[in-house]
Amino acid sequence: MTRIDPDALATHLEVALACAPVGTLAGLQDADSQRRRRATYTLAQHLADRLGCFEITGGGDSTLQASLFQEVPRAVR
């Protein structure tokens, strides 16, 4: 798996959040936990839909980590 370029990801997330429905963003601060959960789900869906339109990959730099998750040393497993 190619590591996602952090700058490209940040740019796409920034645009996606800027285009998110205002009610969803306001719902994240709602006092009602049910509404906060619904807003979180809606925002996650919005981000997934928005980012699904893009192919975000690193520039082929071999110094980048091969995965978003670091390899766990065998002694820890």
N, C-alpha and C. Protein backbone atom coordinates (compact mmCIF):
# COMPACT_ATOMS: atom_id res chain seq x y z
N MET A 1 0.85 -1.18 0.00
CA MET A 1 0.00 0.00 0.00
C MET A 1 0.89 1.23 0.00
N THR A 2 0.58 2.18 -0.86
CA THR A 2 1.32 3.43 -0.93
C THR A 2 0.83 4.36 0.16
N ARG A 3 1.76 5.01 0.81
CA ARG A 3 1.40 5.96 1.87
C ARG A 3 0.72 7.18 1.24
N ILE A 4 -0.31 7.67 1.88
CA ILE A 4 -1.01 8.87 1.41
C ILE A 4 -0.14 10.09 1.71
N ASP A 5 0.04 10.92 0.72
CA ASP A 5 0.82 12.14 0.90
C ASP A 5 0.10 13.05 1.89
N PRO A 6 0.73 13.39 3.03
CA PRO A 6 0.07 14.19 4.06
C PRO A 6 -0.42 15.55 3.57
N ASP A 7 0.35 16.21 2.72
CA ASP A 7 -0.07 17.52 2.23
C ASP A 7 -1.30 17.41 1.33
N ALA A 8 -1.32 16.41 0.47
CA ALA A 8 -2.47 16.21 -0.40
C ALA A 8 -3.70 15.85 0.42
N LEU A 9 -3.52 14.98 1.40
CA LEU A 9 -4.64 14.59 2.25
C LEU A 9 -5.18 15.79 3.01
N ALA A 10 -4.30 16.60 3.57
CA ALA A 10 -4.73 17.78 4.33
C ALA A 10 -5.51 18.74 3.43
N THR A 11 -5.05 18.93 2.21
CA THR A 11 -5.75 19.81 1.28
C THR A 11 -7.15 19.30 0.97
N HIS A 12 -7.26 18.00 0.68
CA HIS A 12 -8.56 17.42 0.34
C HIS A 12 -9.50 17.44 1.55
N LEU A 13 -8.97 17.19 2.74
CA LEU A 13 -9.81 17.25 3.94
C LEU A 13 -10.28 18.68 4.20
N GLU A 14 -9.39 19.64 4.00
CA GLU A 14 -9.76 21.04 4.21
C GLU A 14 -10.90 21.46 3.28
N VAL A 15 -10.79 21.07 2.02
CA VAL A 15 -11.85 21.40 1.06
C VAL A 15 -13.14 20.68 1.44
N ALA A 16 -13.03 19.41 1.80
CA ALA A 16 -14.22 18.63 2.17
C ALA A 16 -14.91 19.23 3.39
N LEU A 17 -14.14 19.63 4.39
CA LEU A 17 -14.74 20.24 5.58
C LEU A 17 -15.35 21.60 5.26
N ALA A 18 -14.71 22.36 4.38
CA ALA A 18 -15.25 23.67 4.00
C ALA A 18 -16.59 23.52 3.27
N CYS A 19 -16.78 22.39 2.59
CA CYS A 19 -18.01 22.15 1.83
C CYS A 19 -19.05 21.37 2.63
N ALA A 20 -18.71 20.98 3.84
CA ALA A 20 -19.64 20.19 4.66
C ALA A 20 -20.86 21.03 5.03
N PRO A 21 -22.01 20.38 5.14
CA PRO A 21 -23.22 21.12 5.52
C PRO A 21 -23.06 21.80 6.89
N VAL A 22 -23.46 23.05 6.96
CA VAL A 22 -23.32 23.84 8.19
C VAL A 22 -24.02 23.15 9.36
N GLY A 23 -25.19 22.59 9.12
CA GLY A 23 -25.93 21.90 10.19
C GLY A 23 -25.17 20.72 10.76
N THR A 24 -24.42 20.04 9.91
CA THR A 24 -23.62 18.90 10.38
C THR A 24 -22.50 19.38 11.29
N LEU A 25 -21.81 20.43 10.87
CA LEU A 25 -20.73 20.97 11.68
C LEU A 25 -21.25 21.51 13.02
N ALA A 26 -22.40 22.16 12.99
CA ALA A 26 -23.00 22.68 14.22
C ALA A 26 -23.43 21.52 15.12
N GLY A 27 -23.87 20.42 14.52
CA GLY A 27 -24.30 19.26 15.29
C GLY A 27 -23.20 18.62 16.10
N LEU A 28 -21.95 18.84 15.71
CA LEU A 28 -20.82 18.29 16.47
C LEU A 28 -20.72 18.90 17.86
N GLN A 29 -21.28 20.08 18.04
CA GLN A 29 -21.23 20.77 19.33
C GLN A 29 -22.55 20.70 20.09
N ASP A 30 -23.50 19.97 19.57
CA ASP A 30 -24.81 19.87 20.20
C ASP A 30 -24.71 19.24 21.58
N ALA A 31 -25.53 19.68 22.50
CA ALA A 31 -25.54 19.13 23.85
C ALA A 31 -26.08 17.70 23.88
N ASP A 32 -26.92 17.34 22.93
CA ASP A 32 -27.51 16.01 22.87
C ASP A 32 -26.53 15.03 22.24
N SER A 33 -26.16 13.98 22.95
CA SER A 33 -25.17 13.03 22.46
C SER A 33 -25.66 12.30 21.21
N GLN A 34 -26.95 12.05 21.11
CA GLN A 34 -27.52 11.39 19.92
C GLN A 34 -27.30 12.26 18.67
N ARG A 35 -27.52 13.55 18.81
CA ARG A 35 -27.32 14.46 17.68
C ARG A 35 -25.84 14.58 17.31
N ARG A 36 -24.96 14.57 18.34
CA ARG A 36 -23.52 14.61 18.07
C ARG A 36 -23.08 13.37 17.30
N ARG A 37 -23.58 12.19 17.71
CA ARG A 37 -23.24 10.95 17.01
C ARG A 37 -23.74 10.98 15.57
N ARG A 38 -24.96 11.45 15.38
CA ARG A 38 -25.53 11.55 14.03
C ARG A 38 -24.70 12.51 13.17
N ALA A 39 -24.29 13.63 13.76
CA ALA A 39 -23.48 14.61 13.03
C ALA A 39 -22.11 14.03 12.69
N THR A 40 -21.53 13.27 13.60
CA THR A 40 -20.24 12.63 13.36
C THR A 40 -20.35 11.64 12.21
N TYR A 41 -21.41 10.84 12.22
CA TYR A 41 -21.64 9.87 11.16
C TYR A 41 -21.84 10.58 9.81
N THR A 42 -22.65 11.62 9.82
CA THR A 42 -22.93 12.37 8.60
C THR A 42 -21.65 13.00 8.05
N LEU A 43 -20.83 13.55 8.94
CA LEU A 43 -19.58 14.16 8.50
C LEU A 43 -18.63 13.10 7.95
N ALA A 44 -18.56 11.94 8.59
CA ALA A 44 -17.71 10.86 8.09
C ALA A 44 -18.16 10.42 6.70
N GLN A 45 -19.47 10.33 6.50
CA GLN A 45 -20.01 9.96 5.19
C GLN A 45 -19.66 11.02 4.15
N HIS A 46 -19.78 12.28 4.53
CA HIS A 46 -19.46 13.38 3.62
C HIS A 46 -17.99 13.33 3.21
N LEU A 47 -17.10 13.12 4.19
CA LEU A 47 -15.68 13.06 3.89
C LEU A 47 -15.35 11.86 3.00
N ALA A 48 -15.95 10.72 3.29
CA ALA A 48 -15.70 9.53 2.48
C ALA A 48 -16.18 9.73 1.04
N ASP A 49 -17.36 10.32 0.89
CA ASP A 49 -17.88 10.59 -0.46
C ASP A 49 -16.97 11.57 -1.20
N ARG A 50 -16.58 12.61 -0.51
CA ARG A 50 -15.73 13.64 -1.14
C ARG A 50 -14.37 13.07 -1.52
N LEU A 51 -13.75 12.32 -0.62
CA LEU A 51 -12.42 11.80 -0.88
C LEU A 51 -12.44 10.63 -1.85
N GLY A 52 -13.58 10.01 -2.02
CA GLY A 52 -13.69 8.91 -2.97
C GLY A 52 -13.50 9.36 -4.41
N CYS A 53 -13.58 10.65 -4.64
CA CYS A 53 -13.42 11.20 -5.99
C CYS A 53 -11.95 11.37 -6.37
N PHE A 54 -11.05 11.24 -5.40
CA PHE A 54 -9.65 11.54 -5.64
C PHE A 54 -8.77 10.31 -5.47
N GLU A 55 -7.70 10.28 -6.25
CA GLU A 55 -6.66 9.28 -6.04
C GLU A 55 -5.53 10.00 -5.32
N ILE A 56 -5.34 9.69 -4.07
CA ILE A 56 -4.35 10.39 -3.26
C ILE A 56 -3.23 9.40 -2.96
N THR A 57 -2.07 9.63 -3.57
CA THR A 57 -0.93 8.76 -3.34
C THR A 57 0.31 9.60 -3.16
N GLY A 58 1.32 8.99 -2.59
CA GLY A 58 2.60 9.67 -2.42
C GLY A 58 3.29 9.84 -3.75
N GLY A 59 4.34 10.62 -3.74
CA GLY A 59 5.08 10.89 -4.96
C GLY A 59 6.09 9.82 -5.31
N GLY A 60 6.00 8.63 -4.73
CA GLY A 60 6.94 7.58 -5.03
C GLY A 60 8.22 7.67 -4.23
N ASP A 61 8.22 8.49 -3.20
CA ASP A 61 9.40 8.65 -2.36
C ASP A 61 9.59 7.40 -1.52
N SER A 62 10.71 6.71 -1.70
CA SER A 62 10.94 5.45 -1.01
C SER A 62 11.21 5.64 0.48
N THR A 63 11.42 6.89 0.94
CA THR A 63 11.65 7.12 2.36
C THR A 63 10.34 7.16 3.15
N LEU A 64 9.20 7.22 2.43
CA LEU A 64 7.92 7.25 3.12
C LEU A 64 7.59 5.87 3.69
N GLN A 65 6.88 5.87 4.75
CA GLN A 65 6.43 4.63 5.36
C GLN A 65 5.49 3.92 4.39
N ALA A 66 5.60 2.59 4.31
CA ALA A 66 4.83 1.83 3.33
C ALA A 66 3.36 1.73 3.70
N SER A 67 2.99 2.04 4.92
CA SER A 67 1.62 1.89 5.38
C SER A 67 1.28 3.04 6.31
N LEU A 68 -0.01 3.27 6.50
CA LEU A 68 -0.42 4.29 7.47
C LEU A 68 -0.17 3.82 8.90
N PHE A 69 -0.03 2.51 9.08
CA PHE A 69 0.16 1.93 10.40
C PHE A 69 1.58 1.39 10.51
N GLN A 70 2.25 1.72 11.59
CA GLN A 70 3.62 1.22 11.77
C GLN A 70 3.57 -0.28 12.06
N GLU A 71 4.62 -0.94 11.60
CA GLU A 71 4.74 -2.37 11.86
C GLU A 71 4.99 -2.59 13.34
N VAL A 72 4.24 -3.51 13.93
CA VAL A 72 4.41 -3.83 15.36
C VAL A 72 5.56 -4.82 15.47
N PRO A 73 6.55 -4.55 16.34
CA PRO A 73 7.67 -5.49 16.50
C PRO A 73 7.14 -6.85 16.96
N ARG A 74 7.80 -7.92 16.52
CA ARG A 74 7.36 -9.28 16.84
C ARG A 74 7.30 -9.53 18.34
N ALA A 75 8.18 -8.94 19.11
CA ALA A 75 8.20 -9.18 20.55
C ALA A 75 6.93 -8.66 21.22
N VAL A 76 6.31 -7.64 20.65
CA VAL A 76 5.12 -7.04 21.23
C VAL A 76 3.87 -7.85 20.88
N ARG A 77 3.86 -8.49 19.73
CA ARG A 77 2.69 -9.25 19.27
C ARG A 77 2.41 -10.31 20.21
